Amino acid sequence: MAGPPIDAAGRLIVALDVPTVAEACEIVRTLDGAVTFYKVGLHLQWDGDVQPFIRELLGAGRRVFVDYKYADIGATMRGGVAGASRIGATFLTIQGSGEATGEAIDAALKGRGDRAYPKLLLVTVLTSVDDSDVAALGRHRTVAGLAVERAERAADAGLDGVVASGHEAAAIRAVVPEGFIVVTPGVRPASAASNDQKRIVTPAAAISAGADYLVVGRPIIAHDDRRAAAEAIIAEMRSAFDAPT
């Protein structure tokens, strides 16, 4: 029996990749009523108003994906995740490269304690990376192989999900448990420019491959009509979620 319909609007995460909280606030105002989930990352990290801004978003019933890509020793990881838990973040990223050891990941989970949030997501391979970049780093794997390897590692460690390209989503979905979250960045409508992304997918393709959430930045925030751009992506997502499997 099919489950209840998926709320497509709730699965779109708009990346607030702008240099100031003032600009981010304007984007949120423009998208009010259409979008409820926002990513706050390194663009805003050094704005002095970023923590009050995150608290304001959460206080207004919105969800926040804190994309700081933690990778450090265990004690630091534990403290960082504990801070994100106290502020009420919804998702938080951990860098999937070798620096995030099993001990550090375990410490990150301990930092969350018995709280349900934030969901901890391992970043597999950035969508700006391709096979030649992986080879240049001395890894004798394809991007897809590396992403799947890291996703399996995340699941085995008890993390809640991964950030992964739509190109690897299906292969990841095949090896992780049910309920494991796949968040896909590098999403571009067919008419949008790829910019510095190398492994892009359309919203429908990402969802068909197994993505649960899509992260979209420039195709919305750089659009002349941000709200219309977001609503068009949500409509495409809704069609993909509702398609027979």
Foldseek 3Di string as FASTA:
>chain_A
DDDDADQLLAQEEEELQAQEVVLVVVLCVLQPPRHQHYEDEDSYPPHPCVLVSLLVSVVVVGAYAYEHADFADQVVLLQVLLVCLVSPHQEYEHELDPSCDLSNLLSNVVSNPPDPDNQYAYEQDDQLDFQVNCVVVVDPDGSLVSSLVSQLVCQVSPGQEYEDALVNLLVNVVRHDPRRAYEYEQEDDPPDDSPSGDRYYHLLSSVLSPHRHYYDYCQQSVDPNNNVSSVVSSVSNSCSSPDDD
